[in-house]
Protein backbone atom coordinates (compact mmCIF):
# COMPACT_ATOMS: atom_id res chain seq x y z
CA GLN A 1 -60.00 -56.57 63.12
CA VAL A 2 -57.83 -55.22 60.35
CA GLN A 3 -57.51 -57.52 57.45
CA LEU A 4 -55.61 -57.14 54.22
CA VAL A 5 -56.08 -59.70 51.45
CA GLU A 6 -53.89 -59.64 48.37
CA SER A 7 -54.63 -61.27 44.99
CA GLY A 8 -53.52 -61.19 41.42
CA GLY A 9 -50.11 -62.74 41.57
CA GLY A 10 -48.90 -65.46 39.24
CA LEU A 11 -46.33 -66.51 36.69
CA VAL A 12 -45.57 -64.10 33.86
CA GLN A 13 -42.98 -63.86 31.16
CA PRO A 14 -40.48 -61.02 31.16
CA GLY A 15 -42.02 -57.94 29.61
CA GLY A 16 -45.50 -58.99 30.78
CA SER A 17 -47.91 -57.33 33.11
CA LEU A 18 -49.81 -58.17 36.19
CA ARG A 19 -52.23 -56.18 38.45
CA LEU A 20 -52.25 -56.92 42.14
CA SER A 21 -55.12 -56.03 44.40
CA CYS A 22 -55.43 -55.69 48.13
CA THR A 23 -58.84 -55.46 49.75
CA ALA A 24 -58.89 -54.04 53.24
CA SER A 25 -61.45 -54.40 56.05
CA GLY A 26 -61.63 -53.55 59.75
CA PHE A 27 -60.64 -49.91 59.49
CA THR A 28 -61.60 -46.72 57.72
CA PHE A 29 -59.73 -47.33 54.53
CA SER A 30 -60.03 -43.84 53.13
CA SER A 31 -58.31 -42.42 56.25
CA TYR A 32 -54.98 -44.17 55.73
CA ALA A 33 -52.13 -44.25 53.32
CA MET A 34 -51.40 -47.66 51.81
CA ASN A 35 -48.21 -49.34 50.77
CA TRP A 36 -46.97 -52.21 48.70
CA TYR A 37 -43.83 -54.08 49.71
CA ARG A 38 -42.02 -57.10 48.29
CA ARG A 39 -39.59 -59.69 49.54
CA ALA A 40 -37.42 -61.51 47.03
CA PRO A 41 -35.72 -64.78 47.93
CA GLY A 42 -32.59 -64.06 49.90
CA LYS A 43 -33.22 -60.32 50.04
CA GLU A 44 -34.51 -57.81 52.49
CA ARG A 45 -38.10 -56.66 52.29
CA GLU A 46 -38.35 -53.43 50.26
CA ILE A 47 -41.08 -50.90 49.76
CA VAL A 48 -42.48 -50.78 46.22
CA ALA A 49 -44.98 -48.06 46.22
CA SER A 50 -47.06 -45.90 48.48
CA ILE A 51 -50.22 -43.89 48.00
CA THR A 52 -51.80 -41.17 50.23
CA ARG A 53 -55.29 -41.66 51.67
CA ASP A 54 -57.00 -39.70 48.94
CA GLY A 55 -54.75 -41.03 46.16
CA SER A 56 -53.43 -37.56 45.38
CA SER A 57 -49.79 -38.46 45.87
CA THR A 58 -47.74 -41.57 45.15
CA ASN A 59 -44.18 -42.69 45.66
CA TYR A 60 -42.18 -45.44 44.07
CA ALA A 61 -38.96 -47.37 44.59
CA ASP A 62 -36.37 -46.35 41.97
CA SER A 63 -36.34 -49.91 40.72
CA VAL A 64 -39.94 -49.83 39.63
CA LYS A 65 -40.46 -46.17 38.58
CA GLY A 66 -42.01 -45.84 35.19
CA ARG A 67 -43.14 -49.50 35.29
CA PHE A 68 -45.45 -49.77 38.25
CA THR A 69 -48.49 -47.68 39.11
CA ILE A 70 -50.22 -47.73 42.43
CA ALA A 71 -53.92 -46.64 42.69
CA ARG A 72 -56.78 -46.98 45.06
CA ASP A 73 -60.55 -47.14 45.02
CA ASN A 74 -61.81 -45.96 48.36
CA ALA A 75 -65.39 -47.03 47.55
CA LYS A 76 -64.15 -50.55 47.20
CA ASN A 77 -61.57 -50.48 50.09
CA THR A 78 -59.02 -51.70 47.61
CA VAL A 79 -55.49 -50.70 46.57
CA TYR A 80 -53.84 -51.84 43.39
CA VAL A 81 -50.49 -51.99 41.79
CA GLN A 82 -50.31 -52.28 38.07
CA MET A 83 -47.01 -53.88 37.09
CA ASN A 84 -45.80 -53.54 33.51
CA SER A 85 -42.60 -54.45 31.72
CA LEU A 86 -41.87 -57.00 34.42
CA LYS A 87 -38.37 -58.29 34.84
CA PRO A 88 -37.07 -61.51 36.46
CA GLU A 89 -35.79 -59.32 39.35
CA ASP A 90 -39.37 -58.38 40.16
CA THR A 91 -39.87 -61.96 41.29
CA ALA A 92 -41.01 -61.73 44.92
CA VAL A 93 -43.88 -62.12 47.38
CA TYR A 94 -45.77 -58.90 47.33
CA HIS A 95 -47.56 -57.62 50.43
CA CYS A 96 -49.76 -54.73 51.09
CA ASN A 97 -49.41 -52.77 54.25
CA ALA A 98 -51.28 -50.22 56.31
CA VAL A 99 -50.20 -48.45 59.46
CA VAL A 100 -53.39 -48.00 61.43
CA LYS A 101 -53.31 -46.07 64.69
CA GLY A 102 -49.60 -46.67 64.95
CA ARG A 103 -49.68 -50.43 64.29
CA SER A 104 -48.42 -51.99 61.06
CA TYR A 105 -50.65 -54.53 59.41
CA TRP A 106 -49.80 -56.90 56.58
CA GLY A 107 -51.56 -59.11 54.20
CA GLN A 108 -50.50 -62.69 53.61
CA GLY A 109 -48.82 -61.85 50.32
CA THR A 110 -49.12 -62.90 46.75
CA GLN A 111 -46.34 -64.57 44.77
CA VAL A 112 -45.18 -62.94 41.55
CA THR A 113 -42.84 -64.96 39.45
CA VAL A 114 -41.24 -63.45 36.29
CA SER A 115 -39.69 -66.16 34.19
CA SER A 116 -39.53 -67.42 30.62
């Protein structure tokens, strides 16, 4: 079955950096685009970044452009998001997502807290 497992969250000061990882199993990872979403307390879930199956194209939410970088390693079935210059408003649970054969799959999420 499809599984997505995130890691790398934590508490970081404003201006700091974190790298989140999502390791996938149960499907042919290199055949599917991958996404990172986040949900902040009291807010709707929003898409943060997306990457095509071969990594040749990426897209970002305006709120993270220039600060976040999505990447993938198809040999390791893993997608990453490097988050720099973090702000308190980046505090959220971050989830990776894949749409496989028309069905959307989610990881359990990893908490990112940006606070001094």
